[in-house]
Amino acid sequence: QVQLVESGGGLVQPGGSLRLSCAASGSIFRLNTMGWYRQAPGKQRELVADITSGGSTSYVDSVKGRFTISRDNAKNTLYLEMNNLKPEDTAIYYCSMILFKLPRYWGQGTQVTVSS
């Protein structure tokens, strides 16, 4: 029904930048809140940022001022601009459609590794 495909991850040095993309299929993308999550080994998956259908955004404190979430409804695509990356940002990053305050659909994830 809803397919999500993340891309844009990779290996980057501390202080570097990456832009993640999430391509979504389906006809309801523009109507729903979307979020970026990440999961590091041994840790719970956490919500990093989300954006409502109206464009309101929120961020976990650890990424405020460094990450920017955005969406292009015409392209059914979600983005995460990641600047000034830190080693603690290393994780697999997932996008999800959020319904009734819970993530409902997941992509395969994209690995972000921040290391010198």
Protein backbone atom coordinates (compact mmCIF):
# COMPACT_ATOMS: atom_id res chain seq x y z
CA GLN A 1 0.00 0.00 0.00
CA VAL A 2 2.54 2.59 1.18
CA GLN A 3 6.15 2.11 0.15
CA LEU A 4 9.00 4.19 1.54
CA VAL A 5 12.55 4.18 0.21
CA GLU A 6 15.31 6.03 2.05
CA SER A 7 18.54 7.12 0.41
CA GLY A 8 21.45 9.49 0.88
CA GLY A 9 23.30 7.93 3.78
CA GLY A 10 27.00 7.29 3.83
CA LEU A 11 30.27 7.85 5.63
CA VAL A 12 31.06 11.42 6.59
CA GLN A 13 33.61 13.14 8.82
CA PRO A 14 32.54 15.02 11.95
CA GLY A 15 31.33 18.45 10.96
CA GLY A 16 30.24 17.25 7.55
CA SER A 17 26.81 17.23 5.96
CA LEU A 18 24.41 14.79 4.36
CA ARG A 19 20.99 15.10 2.79
CA LEU A 20 18.68 12.15 3.24
CA SER A 21 15.69 11.53 1.03
CA CYS A 22 12.63 9.37 1.43
CA ALA A 23 10.57 8.60 -1.64
CA ALA A 24 7.00 7.62 -0.84
CA SER A 25 4.43 5.88 -2.96
CA GLY A 26 0.72 6.21 -2.40
CA SER A 27 -1.83 8.95 -2.69
CA ILE A 28 -2.01 10.15 0.92
CA PHE A 29 1.53 11.46 1.46
CA ARG A 30 0.50 15.09 1.50
CA LEU A 31 -2.19 14.47 4.13
CA ASN A 32 -0.04 12.99 6.87
CA THR A 33 2.70 13.77 9.30
CA MET A 34 6.04 12.28 8.29
CA GLY A 35 9.01 11.61 10.51
CA TRP A 36 12.66 10.67 10.49
CA TYR A 37 13.77 8.11 13.05
CA ARG A 38 17.17 6.66 13.80
CA GLN A 39 18.45 3.59 15.55
CA ALA A 40 21.97 2.94 16.75
CA PRO A 41 23.20 -0.48 17.92
CA GLY A 42 21.98 -1.25 21.42
CA LYS A 43 19.61 1.69 21.48
CA GLN A 44 15.90 2.19 20.97
CA ARG A 45 14.70 3.72 17.77
CA GLU A 46 14.11 7.41 18.39
CA LEU A 47 12.17 10.09 16.61
CA VAL A 48 14.60 12.68 15.29
CA ALA A 49 12.25 15.09 13.53
CA ASP A 50 8.77 15.26 12.14
CA ILE A 51 6.76 17.50 9.88
CA THR A 52 3.00 17.84 9.63
CA SER A 53 0.99 18.13 6.46
CA GLY A 54 0.86 21.86 7.13
CA GLY A 55 4.62 22.15 7.45
CA SER A 56 5.01 22.45 11.21
CA THR A 57 8.25 20.84 12.38
CA SER A 58 9.71 19.50 15.58
CA TYR A 59 13.12 18.12 16.50
CA VAL A 60 14.75 16.17 19.24
CA ASP A 61 16.94 18.49 21.30
CA SER A 62 20.18 16.85 20.21
CA VAL A 63 19.72 17.88 16.57
CA LYS A 64 18.10 21.29 16.90
CA GLY A 65 19.95 23.88 14.88
CA ARG A 66 21.77 21.20 12.88
CA PHE A 67 19.07 19.21 11.09
CA THR A 68 16.21 20.45 8.93
CA ILE A 69 13.25 18.32 7.93
CA SER A 70 11.26 19.27 4.86
CA ARG A 71 8.84 17.78 2.37
CA ASP A 72 7.94 18.20 -1.25
CA ASN A 73 4.36 17.05 -1.58
CA ALA A 74 4.39 17.37 -5.35
CA LYS A 75 7.21 14.82 -5.47
CA ASN A 76 6.01 12.67 -2.56
CA THR A 77 9.43 13.07 -1.00
CA LEU A 78 10.64 13.73 2.52
CA TYR A 79 14.08 15.19 3.24
CA LEU A 80 16.44 15.53 6.15
CA GLU A 81 19.28 18.01 5.79
CA MET A 82 21.96 17.08 8.29
CA ASN A 83 24.69 19.61 9.04
CA ASN A 84 27.58 19.68 11.50
CA LEU A 85 27.31 15.95 11.96
CA LYS A 86 28.65 14.38 15.12
CA PRO A 87 29.75 10.81 15.87
CA GLU A 88 26.67 10.35 18.05
CA ASP A 89 24.53 10.86 14.96
CA THR A 90 25.73 7.51 13.65
CA ALA A 91 22.71 5.27 13.14
CA ILE A 92 20.41 3.76 10.60
CA TYR A 93 17.93 6.43 9.59
CA TYR A 94 14.36 5.54 8.69
CA CYS A 95 11.43 7.56 7.48
CA SER A 96 7.88 6.80 8.45
CA MET A 97 4.34 7.93 7.94
CA ILE A 98 2.82 8.78 11.30
CA LEU A 99 -0.85 8.09 11.92
CA PHE A 100 -2.58 8.60 15.25
CA LYS A 101 0.75 9.55 16.80
CA LEU A 102 2.42 6.27 15.85
CA PRO A 103 4.70 5.31 12.97
CA ARG A 104 2.81 3.00 10.64
CA TYR A 105 5.00 2.40 7.62
CA TRP A 106 8.76 1.99 7.39
CA GLY A 107 11.35 2.04 4.70
CA GLN A 108 14.48 -0.12 4.63
CA GLY A 109 16.63 2.54 6.25
CA THR A 110 19.86 4.20 5.21
CA GLN A 111 23.10 4.02 7.16
CA VAL A 112 24.74 7.22 8.37
CA THR A 113 28.22 6.86 9.81
CA VAL A 114 30.06 9.86 11.24
CA SER A 115 33.69 9.09 11.89
CA SER A 116 37.15 10.47 11.33
